[in-house]
Each structure stands twice: as structure tokens, then as C-alpha cells.
């Protein structure tokens, strides 16, 4: 079943794959960026604190 789906996906336009990748990167940035910024802020706070 999975192989059939895979072949169907491969036969389809690569645009679909690109869109999927784009969607994943969007999700990644929306989740990772705020986390990263908060981490940086925390580190700055810790370093600035006496």
C-alpha cells in the first residue's frame, strides 16, 4: 500500500513535494524561532545578571 502511494507521489509533479517541504519549513520556523529567541534572551539575562 505504501509503495503504491510512493509511486503515485513520485509520478505527480515535484511541485507537490516542494510545497510539502515549504509547509514543513514554515511550521519549523514558527515553532523554532520563538524558542530560539527566548533561549537567547534567557542567556542574555543570565550573563547580564551579577
N, C-alpha and C. Protein backbone atom coordinates (compact mmCIF):
# COMPACT_ATOMS: atom_id res chain seq x y z
N UNK A 1 0.84 -1.21 0.00
CA UNK A 1 0.00 0.00 0.00
C UNK A 1 0.86 1.25 0.00
N UNK A 2 1.86 1.26 0.87
CA UNK A 2 2.73 2.43 0.97
C UNK A 2 3.51 2.66 -0.31
N UNK A 3 3.96 1.55 -0.92
CA UNK A 3 4.74 1.68 -2.17
C UNK A 3 3.89 2.27 -3.27
N UNK A 4 2.63 1.88 -3.31
CA UNK A 4 1.72 2.42 -4.33
C UNK A 4 1.58 3.93 -4.14
N UNK A 5 1.42 4.35 -2.89
CA UNK A 5 1.31 5.77 -2.59
C UNK A 5 2.59 6.50 -2.98
N UNK A 6 3.72 5.85 -2.68
CA UNK A 6 5.01 6.45 -3.00
C UNK A 6 5.15 6.67 -4.50
N UNK A 7 4.81 5.65 -5.28
CA UNK A 7 4.92 5.76 -6.74
C UNK A 7 3.98 6.85 -7.26
N UNK A 8 2.80 6.93 -6.69
CA UNK A 8 1.84 7.96 -7.09
C UNK A 8 2.41 9.34 -6.80
N UNK A 9 3.02 9.48 -5.63
CA UNK A 9 3.61 10.77 -5.26
C UNK A 9 4.77 11.12 -6.19
N UNK A 10 5.57 10.12 -6.53
CA UNK A 10 6.71 10.36 -7.41
C UNK A 10 6.25 10.72 -8.81
N UNK A 11 5.17 10.08 -9.26
CA UNK A 11 4.65 10.37 -10.59
C UNK A 11 4.05 11.77 -10.67
N UNK A 12 3.54 12.24 -9.54
CA UNK A 12 2.98 13.58 -9.51
C UNK A 12 4.08 14.62 -9.70
N UNK A 13 3.64 15.83 -9.95
CA UNK A 13 4.58 16.92 -10.16
C UNK A 13 5.44 17.15 -8.91
N UNK A 14 6.75 17.41 -9.08
CA UNK A 14 7.63 17.70 -7.94
C UNK A 14 7.17 18.92 -7.14
N UNK A 15 6.26 19.69 -7.75
CA UNK A 15 5.71 20.87 -7.08
C UNK A 15 5.07 20.49 -5.76
N UNK A 16 4.42 19.34 -5.74
CA UNK A 16 3.75 18.87 -4.52
C UNK A 16 4.79 18.68 -3.41
N UNK A 17 5.89 18.04 -3.78
CA UNK A 17 6.97 17.82 -2.81
C UNK A 17 7.52 19.15 -2.31
N UNK A 18 7.73 20.06 -3.23
CA UNK A 18 8.24 21.38 -2.87
C UNK A 18 7.30 22.09 -1.89
N UNK A 19 6.01 21.99 -2.19
CA UNK A 19 5.01 22.60 -1.32
C UNK A 19 5.04 21.99 0.07
N UNK A 20 5.18 20.66 0.12
CA UNK A 20 5.26 19.97 1.40
C UNK A 20 6.47 20.45 2.19
N UNK A 21 7.61 20.54 1.51
CA UNK A 21 8.84 20.99 2.16
C UNK A 21 8.66 22.42 2.67
N UNK A 22 8.05 23.25 1.85
CA UNK A 22 7.81 24.63 2.23
C UNK A 22 6.92 24.70 3.47
N UNK A 23 5.89 23.86 3.48
CA UNK A 23 4.97 23.81 4.62
C UNK A 23 5.72 23.39 5.89
N UNK A 24 6.57 22.38 5.74
CA UNK A 24 7.35 21.90 6.88
C UNK A 24 8.28 22.98 7.41
N UNK A 25 8.94 23.68 6.51
CA UNK A 25 9.86 24.74 6.93
C UNK A 25 9.09 25.85 7.64
N UNK A 26 7.89 26.14 7.14
CA UNK A 26 7.05 27.16 7.77
C UNK A 26 6.71 26.77 9.20
N UNK A 27 6.30 25.53 9.37
CA UNK A 27 5.98 25.02 10.70
C UNK A 27 7.22 25.09 11.59
N UNK A 28 8.34 24.66 11.02
CA UNK A 28 9.60 24.63 11.78
C UNK A 28 9.97 26.03 12.25
N UNK A 29 9.88 27.00 11.36
CA UNK A 29 10.24 28.37 11.72
C UNK A 29 9.28 28.94 12.76
N UNK A 30 8.00 28.66 12.60
CA UNK A 30 7.01 29.20 13.54
C UNK A 30 7.19 28.60 14.93
N UNK A 31 7.71 27.37 14.99
CA UNK A 31 7.91 26.72 16.30
C UNK A 31 9.31 27.02 16.83
N UNK A 32 10.31 26.93 15.96
CA UNK A 32 11.69 27.04 16.41
C UNK A 32 12.15 28.46 16.70
N UNK A 33 11.74 29.41 15.87
CA UNK A 33 12.20 30.79 16.05
C UNK A 33 11.84 31.39 17.41
N UNK A 34 10.60 31.29 17.86
CA UNK A 34 10.26 31.84 19.18
C UNK A 34 11.06 31.16 20.29
N UNK A 35 11.22 29.84 20.18
CA UNK A 35 12.01 29.10 21.17
C UNK A 35 13.45 29.61 21.20
N UNK A 36 14.01 29.77 20.02
CA UNK A 36 15.39 30.24 19.91
C UNK A 36 15.55 31.65 20.51
N UNK A 37 14.62 32.53 20.19
CA UNK A 37 14.68 33.90 20.70
C UNK A 37 14.57 33.92 22.22
N UNK A 38 13.68 33.11 22.76
CA UNK A 38 13.53 33.06 24.22
C UNK A 38 14.80 32.52 24.87
N UNK A 39 15.41 31.53 24.24
CA UNK A 39 16.66 30.98 24.76
C UNK A 39 17.75 32.04 24.79
N UNK A 40 17.86 32.78 23.70
CA UNK A 40 18.87 33.84 23.61
C UNK A 40 18.61 34.90 24.68
N UNK A 41 17.35 35.27 24.83
CA UNK A 41 17.00 36.27 25.85
C UNK A 41 17.36 35.78 27.24
N UNK A 42 17.08 34.53 27.51
CA UNK A 42 17.41 33.95 28.82
C UNK A 42 18.92 33.96 29.05
N UNK A 43 19.65 33.58 28.02
CA UNK A 43 21.12 33.57 28.13
C UNK A 43 21.64 34.98 28.40
N UNK A 44 21.10 35.95 27.70
CA UNK A 44 21.49 37.35 27.90
C UNK A 44 21.19 37.79 29.32
N UNK A 45 20.02 37.44 29.81
CA UNK A 45 19.63 37.79 31.17
C UNK A 45 20.60 37.18 32.18
N UNK A 46 20.92 35.92 31.97
CA UNK A 46 21.84 35.22 32.88
C UNK A 46 23.22 35.87 32.86
N UNK A 47 23.69 36.23 31.69
CA UNK A 47 25.03 36.83 31.58
C UNK A 47 25.04 38.25 32.15
N UNK A 48 23.93 38.96 32.00
CA UNK A 48 23.86 40.33 32.49
C UNK A 48 23.67 40.41 34.00
N UNK A 49 23.04 39.36 34.54
CA UNK A 49 22.84 39.36 35.99
C UNK A 49 24.18 39.22 36.71
N UNK A 50 24.38 39.98 37.78
CA UNK A 50 25.65 39.91 38.51
C UNK A 50 25.82 38.60 39.29
